[in-house]
Amino acid sequence: MSAQFKAAASYQKLTKRIQQQIARARDREQYSVTVYRFDDDSPEAWDRLLMEFEELDYVSVFRVGVAEAKITWNAAEAEAAS
């Protein structure tokens, strides 16, 4: 398996897990979630995912060390953007 394929698979797996956490938080009308990079998550995929969140105007990312981050969002702005 190529390194590029592994990185893509790691990113997709990580993205799916984080999206599920965010969906559960939204269902409970919470506007933040603390996410963690697991040992089998690629550090590059983790950084890419967090950078993509940081590019959104209505999202704030607070990195806590190298394997933890708190993602918060403004619900009204997020709703308007979708």
PDB file of N, CA and C in Angstrom:
ATOM      1  N   MET A   1       0.859  -1.174   0.000  1.00  0.00           N
ATOM      2  CA  MET A   1       0.000   0.000   0.000  1.00  0.00           C
ATOM      3  C   MET A   1       0.904   1.236   0.000  1.00  0.00           C
ATOM      4  N   SER A   2       0.642   2.159  -0.903  1.00  0.00           N
ATOM      5  CA  SER A   2       1.486   3.346  -1.015  1.00  0.00           C
ATOM      6  C   SER A   2       1.251   4.298   0.154  1.00  0.00           C
ATOM      7  N   ALA A   3       2.258   5.112   0.411  1.00  0.00           N
ATOM      8  CA  ALA A   3       2.152   6.095   1.493  1.00  0.00           C
ATOM      9  C   ALA A   3       1.041   7.097   1.208  1.00  0.00           C
ATOM     10  N   GLN A   4       0.887   7.450  -0.069  1.00  0.00           N
ATOM     11  CA  GLN A   4      -0.160   8.407  -0.437  1.00  0.00           C
ATOM     12  C   GLN A   4      -1.546   7.818  -0.170  1.00  0.00           C
ATOM     13  N   PHE A   5      -1.730   6.545  -0.483  1.00  0.00           N
ATOM     14  CA  PHE A   5      -3.008   5.883  -0.227  1.00  0.00           C
ATOM     15  C   PHE A   5      -3.278   5.798   1.268  1.00  0.00           C
ATOM     16  N   LYS A   6      -2.253   5.459   2.058  1.00  0.00           N
ATOM     17  CA  LYS A   6      -2.411   5.387   3.516  1.00  0.00           C
ATOM     18  C   LYS A   6      -2.808   6.737   4.085  1.00  0.00           C
ATOM     19  N   ALA A   7      -2.158   7.810   3.596  1.00  0.00           N
ATOM     20  CA  ALA A   7      -2.466   9.156   4.092  1.00  0.00           C
ATOM     21  C   ALA A   7      -3.909   9.529   3.755  1.00  0.00           C
ATOM     22  N   ALA A   8      -4.354   9.197   2.547  1.00  0.00           N
ATOM     23  CA  ALA A   8      -5.730   9.508   2.146  1.00  0.00           C
ATOM     24  C   ALA A   8      -6.722   8.721   2.987  1.00  0.00           C
ATOM     25  N   ALA A   9      -6.430   7.456   3.236  1.00  0.00           N
ATOM     26  CA  ALA A   9      -7.321   6.627   4.053  1.00  0.00           C
ATOM     27  C   ALA A   9      -7.385   7.150   5.480  1.00  0.00           C
ATOM     28  N   SER A  10      -6.234   7.552   6.017  1.00  0.00           N
ATOM     29  CA  SER A  10      -6.191   8.093   7.378  1.00  0.00           C
ATOM     30  C   SER A  10      -7.012   9.379   7.462  1.00  0.00           C
ATOM     31  N   TYR A  11      -6.881  10.249   6.456  1.00  0.00           N
ATOM     32  CA  TYR A  11      -7.623  11.500   6.439  1.00  0.00           C
ATOM     33  C   TYR A  11      -9.129  11.232   6.378  1.00  0.00           C
ATOM     34  N   GLN A  12      -9.550  10.314   5.524  1.00  0.00           N
ATOM     35  CA  GLN A  12     -10.977  10.005   5.405  1.00  0.00           C
ATOM     36  C   GLN A  12     -11.536   9.430   6.703  1.00  0.00           C
ATOM     37  N   LYS A  13     -10.786   8.542   7.312  1.00  0.00           N
ATOM     38  CA  LYS A  13     -11.218   7.935   8.582  1.00  0.00           C
ATOM     39  C   LYS A  13     -11.328   8.999   9.676  1.00  0.00           C
ATOM     40  N   LEU A  14     -10.325   9.853   9.760  1.00  0.00           N
ATOM     41  CA  LEU A  14     -10.308  10.926  10.749  1.00  0.00           C
ATOM     42  C   LEU A  14     -11.464  11.893  10.505  1.00  0.00           C
ATOM     43  N   THR A  15     -11.659  12.277   9.263  1.00  0.00           N
ATOM     44  CA  THR A  15     -12.729  13.204   8.916  1.00  0.00           C
ATOM     45  C   THR A  15     -14.096  12.643   9.308  1.00  0.00           C
ATOM     46  N   LYS A  16     -14.328  11.394   9.002  1.00  0.00           N
ATOM     47  CA  LYS A  16     -15.608  10.765   9.343  1.00  0.00           C
ATOM     48  C   LYS A  16     -15.829  10.776  10.858  1.00  0.00           C
ATOM     49  N   ARG A  17     -14.798  10.421  11.622  1.00  0.00           N
ATOM     50  CA  ARG A  17     -14.922  10.387  13.082  1.00  0.00           C
ATOM     51  C   ARG A  17     -15.232  11.769  13.639  1.00  0.00           C
ATOM     52  N   ILE A  18     -14.539  12.793  13.168  1.00  0.00           N
ATOM     53  CA  ILE A  18     -14.744  14.156  13.678  1.00  0.00           C
ATOM     54  C   ILE A  18     -16.116  14.673  13.262  1.00  0.00           C
ATOM     55  N   GLN A  19     -16.546  14.390  12.033  1.00  0.00           N
ATOM     56  CA  GLN A  19     -17.867  14.818  11.586  1.00  0.00           C
ATOM     57  C   GLN A  19     -18.971  14.194  12.443  1.00  0.00           C
ATOM     58  N   GLN A  20     -18.783  12.939  12.826  1.00  0.00           N
ATOM     59  CA  GLN A  20     -19.766  12.281  13.693  1.00  0.00           C
ATOM     60  C   GLN A  20     -19.811  12.955  15.064  1.00  0.00           C
ATOM     61  N   GLN A  21     -18.659  13.326  15.603  1.00  0.00           N
ATOM     62  CA  GLN A  21     -18.628  14.007  16.900  1.00  0.00           C
ATOM     63  C   GLN A  21     -19.349  15.346  16.805  1.00  0.00           C
ATOM     64  N   ILE A  22     -19.108  16.079  15.733  1.00  0.00           N
ATOM     65  CA  ILE A  22     -19.748  17.385  15.561  1.00  0.00           C
ATOM     66  C   ILE A  22     -21.257  17.217  15.404  1.00  0.00           C
ATOM     67  N   ALA A  23     -21.681  16.224  14.648  1.00  0.00           N
ATOM     68  CA  ALA A  23     -23.121  15.982  14.466  1.00  0.00           C
ATOM     69  C   ALA A  23     -23.796  15.658  15.794  1.00  0.00           C
ATOM     70  N   ARG A  24     -23.136  14.839  16.616  1.00  0.00           N
ATOM     71  CA  ARG A  24     -23.722  14.516  17.930  1.00  0.00           C
ATOM     72  C   ARG A  24     -23.818  15.762  18.805  1.00  0.00           C
ATOM     73  N   ALA A  25     -22.805  16.616  18.753  1.00  0.00           N
ATOM     74  CA  ALA A  25     -22.833  17.852  19.543  1.00  0.00           C
ATOM     75  C   ALA A  25     -23.969  18.754  19.058  1.00  0.00           C
ATOM     76  N   ARG A  26     -24.124  18.887  17.758  1.00  0.00           N
ATOM     77  CA  ARG A  26     -25.202  19.723  17.211  1.00  0.00           C
ATOM     78  C   ARG A  26     -26.563  19.182  17.610  1.00  0.00           C
ATOM     79  N   ASP A  27     -26.708  17.867  17.613  1.00  0.00           N
ATOM     80  CA  ASP A  27     -27.977  17.265  18.023  1.00  0.00           C
ATOM     81  C   ASP A  27     -28.334  17.642  19.463  1.00  0.00           C
ATOM     82  N   ARG A  28     -27.322  17.846  20.287  1.00  0.00           N
ATOM     83  CA  ARG A  28     -27.546  18.238  21.685  1.00  0.00           C
ATOM     84  C   ARG A  28     -27.516  19.762  21.851  1.00  0.00           C
ATOM     85  N   GLU A  29     -27.507  20.468  20.696  1.00  0.00           N
ATOM     86  CA  GLU A  29     -27.446  21.924  20.674  1.00  0.00           C
ATOM     87  C   GLU A  29     -26.228  22.457  21.405  1.00  0.00           C
ATOM     88  N   GLN A  30     -25.124  21.771  21.261  1.00  0.00           N
ATOM     89  CA  GLN A  30     -23.838  22.226  21.769  1.00  0.00           C
ATOM     90  C   GLN A  30     -23.053  22.764  20.581  1.00  0.00           C
ATOM     91  N   TYR A  31     -22.219  23.739  20.825  1.00  0.00           N
ATOM     92  CA  TYR A  31     -21.516  24.404  19.734  1.00  0.00           C
ATOM     93  C   TYR A  31     -20.001  24.303  19.891  1.00  0.00           C
ATOM     94  N   SER A  32     -19.582  23.220  20.508  1.00  0.00           N
ATOM     95  CA  SER A  32     -18.160  22.947  20.606  1.00  0.00           C
ATOM     96  C   SER A  32     -17.955  21.451  20.823  1.00  0.00           C
ATOM     97  N   VAL A  33     -16.780  21.012  20.436  1.00  0.00           N
ATOM     98  CA  VAL A  33     -16.424  19.617  20.615  1.00  0.00           C
ATOM     99  C   VAL A  33     -14.905  19.548  20.801  1.00  0.00           C
ATOM    100  N   THR A  34     -14.473  18.681  21.695  1.00  0.00           N
ATOM    101  CA  THR A  34     -13.047  18.432  21.862  1.00  0.00           C
ATOM    102  C   THR A  34     -12.716  17.163  21.091  1.00  0.00           C
ATOM    103  N   VAL A  35     -11.717  17.270  20.220  1.00  0.00           N
ATOM    104  CA  VAL A  35     -11.344  16.148  19.358  1.00  0.00           C
ATOM    105  C   VAL A  35      -9.911  15.733  19.662  1.00  0.00           C
ATOM    106  N   TYR A  36      -9.631  14.482  19.375  1.00  0.00           N
ATOM    107  CA  TYR A  36      -8.318  13.917  19.689  1.00  0.00           C
ATOM    108  C   TYR A  36      -7.758  13.187  18.482  1.00  0.00           C
ATOM    109  N   ARG A  37      -6.445  13.285  18.312  1.00  0.00           N
ATOM    110  CA  ARG A  37      -5.757  12.495  17.296  1.00  0.00           C
ATOM    111  C   ARG A  37      -5.352  11.190  17.946  1.00  0.00           C
ATOM    112  N   PHE A  38      -5.836  10.084  17.383  1.00  0.00           N
ATOM    113  CA  PHE A  38      -5.489   8.763  17.882  1.00  0.00           C
ATOM    114  C   PHE A  38      -4.123   8.352  17.343  1.00  0.00           C
ATOM    115  N   ASP A  39      -3.520   7.367  17.969  1.00  0.00           N
ATOM    116  CA  ASP A  39      -2.191   6.912  17.566  1.00  0.00           C
ATOM    117  C   ASP A  39      -2.142   6.471  16.111  1.00  0.00           C
ATOM    118  N   ASP A  40      -3.229   5.888  15.602  1.00  0.00           N
ATOM    119  CA  ASP A  40      -3.218   5.420  14.218  1.00  0.00           C
ATOM    120  C   ASP A  40      -3.628   6.497  13.213  1.00  0.00           C
ATOM    121  N   ASP A  41      -3.926   7.720  13.686  1.00  0.00           N
ATOM    122  CA  ASP A  41      -4.218   8.841  12.788  1.00  0.00           C
ATOM    123  C   ASP A  41      -2.908   9.463  12.322  1.00  0.00           C
ATOM    124  N   SER A  42      -2.843   9.761  11.071  1.00  0.00           N
ATOM    125  CA  SER A  42      -1.667  10.416  10.505  1.00  0.00           C
ATOM    126  C   SER A  42      -1.560  11.850  11.044  1.00  0.00           C
ATOM    127  N   PRO A  43      -0.381  12.252  11.522  1.00  0.00           N
ATOM    128  CA  PRO A  43      -0.216  13.644  11.961  1.00  0.00           C
ATOM    129  C   PRO A  43      -0.499  14.638  10.830  1.00  0.00           C
ATOM    130  N   GLU A  44      -0.166  14.261   9.604  1.00  0.00           N
ATOM    131  CA  GLU A  44      -0.424  15.138   8.458  1.00  0.00           C
ATOM    132  C   GLU A  44      -1.923  15.291   8.217  1.00  0.00           C
ATOM    133  N   ALA A  45      -2.668  14.185   8.340  1.00  0.00           N
ATOM    134  CA  ALA A  45      -4.115  14.237   8.173  1.00  0.00           C
ATOM    135  C   ALA A  45      -4.747  15.102   9.265  1.00  0.00           C
ATOM    136  N   TRP A  46      -4.255  14.945  10.491  1.00  0.00           N
ATOM    137  CA  TRP A  46      -4.743  15.736  11.628  1.00  0.00           C
ATOM    138  C   TRP A  46      -4.540  17.227  11.360  1.00  0.00           C
ATOM    139  N   ASP A  47      -3.333  17.610  10.970  1.00  0.00           N
ATOM    140  CA  ASP A  47      -3.051  19.018  10.694  1.00  0.00           C
ATOM    141  C   ASP A  47      -3.893  19.546   9.540  1.00  0.00           C
ATOM    142  N   ARG A  48      -4.039  18.746   8.497  1.00  0.00           N
ATOM    143  CA  ARG A  48      -4.851  19.153   7.343  1.00  0.00           C
ATOM    144  C   ARG A  48      -6.294  19.394   7.760  1.00  0.00           C
ATOM    145  N   LEU A  49      -6.857  18.483   8.522  1.00  0.00           N
ATOM    146  CA  LEU A  49      -8.244  18.623   8.961  1.00  0.00           C
ATOM    147  C   LEU A  49      -8.439  19.882   9.803  1.00  0.00           C
ATOM    148  N   LEU A  50      -7.556  20.092  10.762  1.00  0.00           N
ATOM    149  CA  LEU A  50      -7.690  21.276  11.614  1.00  0.00           C
ATOM    150  C   LEU A  50      -7.513  22.561  10.810  1.00  0.00           C
ATOM    151  N   MET A  51      -6.590  22.561   9.858  1.00  0.00           N
ATOM    152  CA  MET A  51      -6.396  23.756   9.020  1.00  0.00           C
ATOM    153  C   MET A  51      -7.642  24.055   8.189  1.00  0.00           C
ATOM    154  N   GLU A  52      -8.315  23.009   7.730  1.00  0.00           N
ATOM    155  CA  GLU A  52      -9.548  23.222   6.967  1.00  0.00           C
ATOM    156  C   GLU A  52     -10.639  23.838   7.844  1.00  0.00           C
ATOM    157  N   PHE A  53     -10.731  23.396   9.081  1.00  0.00           N
ATOM    158  CA  PHE A  53     -11.689  24.019  10.003  1.00  0.00           C
ATOM    159  C   PHE A  53     -11.306  25.471  10.278  1.00  0.00           C
ATOM    160  N   GLU A  54     -10.014  25.733  10.441  1.00  0.00           N
ATOM    161  CA  GLU A  54      -9.554  27.092  10.741  1.00  0.00           C
ATOM    162  C   GLU A  54      -9.859  28.074   9.614  1.00  0.00           C
ATOM    163  N   GLU A  55     -10.036  27.583   8.395  1.00  0.00           N
ATOM    164  CA  GLU A  55     -10.335  28.452   7.252  1.00  0.00           C
ATOM    165  C   GLU A  55     -11.787  28.913   7.231  1.00  0.00           C
ATOM    166  N   LEU A  56     -12.655  28.269   7.988  1.00  0.00           N
ATOM    167  CA  LEU A  56     -14.062  28.648   8.018  1.00  0.00           C
ATOM    168  C   LEU A  56     -14.262  29.858   8.937  1.00  0.00           C
ATOM    169  N   ASP A  57     -15.006  30.840   8.461  1.00  0.00           N
ATOM    170  CA  ASP A  57     -15.206  32.074   9.222  1.00  0.00           C
ATOM    171  C   ASP A  57     -15.920  31.865  10.544  1.00  0.00           C
ATOM    172  N   TYR A  58     -16.812  30.912  10.606  1.00  0.00           N
ATOM    173  CA  TYR A  58     -17.650  30.727  11.795  1.00  0.00           C
ATOM    174  C   TYR A  58     -17.114  29.671  12.755  1.00  0.00           C
ATOM    175  N   VAL A  59     -15.896  29.186  12.506  1.00  0.00           N
ATOM    176  CA  VAL A  59     -15.299  28.136  13.331  1.00  0.00           C
ATOM    177  C   VAL A  59     -14.011  28.638  13.958  1.00  0.00           C
ATOM    178  N   SER A  60     -13.803  28.274  15.226  1.00  0.00           N
ATOM    179  CA  SER A  60     -12.542  28.556  15.913  1.00  0.00           C
ATOM    180  C   SER A  60     -11.942  27.222  16.350  1.00  0.00           C
ATOM    181  N   VAL A  61     -10.645  27.110  16.177  1.00  0.00           N
ATOM    182  CA  VAL A  61      -9.931  25.900  16.581  1.00  0.00           C
ATOM    183  C   VAL A  61      -8.885  26.297  17.610  1.00  0.00           C
ATOM    184  N   PHE A  62      -8.942  25.654  18.757  1.00  0.00           N
ATOM    185  CA  PHE A  62      -7.980  25.894  19.822  1.00  0.00           C
ATOM    186  C   PHE A  62      -7.188  24.605  20.004  1.00  0.00           C
ATOM    187  N   ARG A  63      -5.950  24.625  19.556  1.00  0.00           N
ATOM    188  CA  ARG A  63      -5.118  23.424  19.650  1.00  0.00           C
ATOM    189  C   ARG A  63      -4.578  23.291  21.066  1.00  0.00           C
ATOM    190  N   VAL A  64      -4.686  22.096  21.615  1.00  0.00           N
ATOM    191  CA  VAL A  64      -4.206  21.790  22.957  1.00  0.00           C
ATOM    192  C   VAL A  64      -3.165  20.685  22.785  1.00  0.00           C
ATOM    193  N   GLY A  65      -1.924  21.069  22.692  1.00  0.00           N
ATOM    194  CA  GLY A  65      -0.888  20.075  22.435  1.00  0.00           C
ATOM    195  C   GLY A  65      -0.934  19.611  20.994  1.00  0.00           C
ATOM    196  N   VAL A  66      -0.309  18.460  20.725  1.00  0.00           N
ATOM    197  CA  VAL A  66      -0.226  17.970  19.355  1.00  0.00           C
ATOM    198  C   VAL A  66      -1.347  17.001  18.992  1.00  0.00           C
ATOM    199  N   ALA A  67      -2.118  16.557  19.956  1.00  0.00           N
ATOM    200  CA  ALA A  67      -3.117  15.523  19.680  1.00  0.00           C
ATOM    201  C   ALA A  67      -4.507  15.843  20.229  1.00  0.00           C
ATOM    202  N   GLU A  68      -4.757  17.104  20.521  1.00  0.00           N
ATOM    203  CA  GLU A  68      -6.060  17.494  21.053  1.00  0.00           C
ATOM    204  C   GLU A  68      -6.383  18.894  20.561  1.00  0.00           C
ATOM    205  N   ALA A  69      -7.659  19.120  20.258  1.00  0.00           N
ATOM    206  CA  ALA A  69      -8.112  20.444  19.836  1.00  0.00           C
ATOM    207  C   ALA A  69      -9.561  20.618  20.238  1.00  0.00           C
ATOM    208  N   LYS A  70      -9.924  21.858  20.510  1.00  0.00           N
ATOM    209  CA  LYS A  70     -11.324  22.186  20.776  1.00  0.00           C
ATOM    210  C   LYS A  70     -11.814  22.994  19.586  1.00  0.00           C
ATOM    211  N   ILE A  71     -12.898  22.518  18.992  1.00  0.00           N
ATOM    212  CA  ILE A  71     -13.491  23.187  17.843  1.00  0.00           C
ATOM    213  C   ILE A  71     -14.808  23.796  18.305  1.00  0.00           C
ATOM    214  N   THR A  72     -14.969  25.089  18.090  1.00  0.00           N
ATOM    215  CA  THR A  72     -16.212  25.777  18.441  1.00  0.00           C
ATOM    216  C   THR A  72     -16.747  26.444  17.177  1.00  0.00           C
ATOM    217  N   TRP A  73     -18.065  26.633  17.137  1.00  0.00           N
ATOM    218  CA  TRP A  73     -18.647  27.279  15.973  1.00  0.00           C
ATOM    219  C   TRP A  73     -19.836  28.107  16.380  1.00  0.00           C
ATOM    220  N   ASN A  74     -20.133  29.102  15.561  1.00  0.00           N
ATOM    221  CA  ASN A  74     -21.294  29.943  15.735  1.00  0.00           C
ATOM    222  C   ASN A  74     -22.423  29.292  14.945  1.00  0.00           C
ATOM    223  N   ALA A  75     -23.416  28.800  15.624  1.00  0.00           N
ATOM    224  CA  ALA A  75     -24.486  28.025  14.990  1.00  0.00           C
ATOM    225  C   ALA A  75     -25.240  28.824  13.926  1.00  0.00           C
ATOM    226  N   ALA A  76     -25.530  30.075  14.202  1.00  0.00           N
ATOM    227  CA  ALA A  76     -26.294  30.883  13.249  1.00  0.00           C
ATOM    228  C   ALA A  76     -25.495  31.094  11.967  1.00  0.00           C
ATOM    229  N   GLU A  77     -24.219  31.381  12.085  1.00  0.00           N
ATOM    230  CA  GLU A  77     -23.387  31.581  10.897  1.00  0.00           C
ATOM    231  C   GLU A  77     -23.186  30.268  10.140  1.00  0.00           C
ATOM    232  N   ALA A  78     -23.038  29.178  10.869  1.00  0.00           N
ATOM    233  CA  ALA A  78     -22.865  27.866  10.235  1.00  0.00           C
ATOM    234  C   ALA A  78     -24.126  27.513   9.440  1.00  0.00           C
ATOM    235  N   GLU A  79     -25.274  27.790   9.990  1.00  0.00           N
ATOM    236  CA  GLU A  79     -26.538  27.496   9.322  1.00  0.00           C
ATOM    237  C   GLU A  79     -26.684  28.338   8.056  1.00  0.00           C
ATOM    238  N   ALA A  80     -26.290  29.605   8.152  1.00  0.00           N
ATOM    239  CA  ALA A  80     -26.390  30.497   6.997  1.00  0.00           C
ATOM    240  C   ALA A  80     -25.429  30.084   5.882  1.00  0.00           C
ATOM    241  N   ALA A  81     -24.294  29.501   6.245  1.00  0.00           N
ATOM    242  CA  ALA A  81     -23.289  29.104   5.251  1.00  0.00           C
ATOM    243  C   ALA A  81     -23.651  27.810   4.544  1.00  0.00           C
ATOM    244  N   SER A  82     -24.560  27.028   5.116  1.00  0.00           N
ATOM    245  CA  SER A  82     -24.884  25.734   4.487  1.00  0.00           C
ATOM    246  C   SER A  82     -26.039  25.815   3.526  1.00  0.00           C
TER     247      SER A  82
END
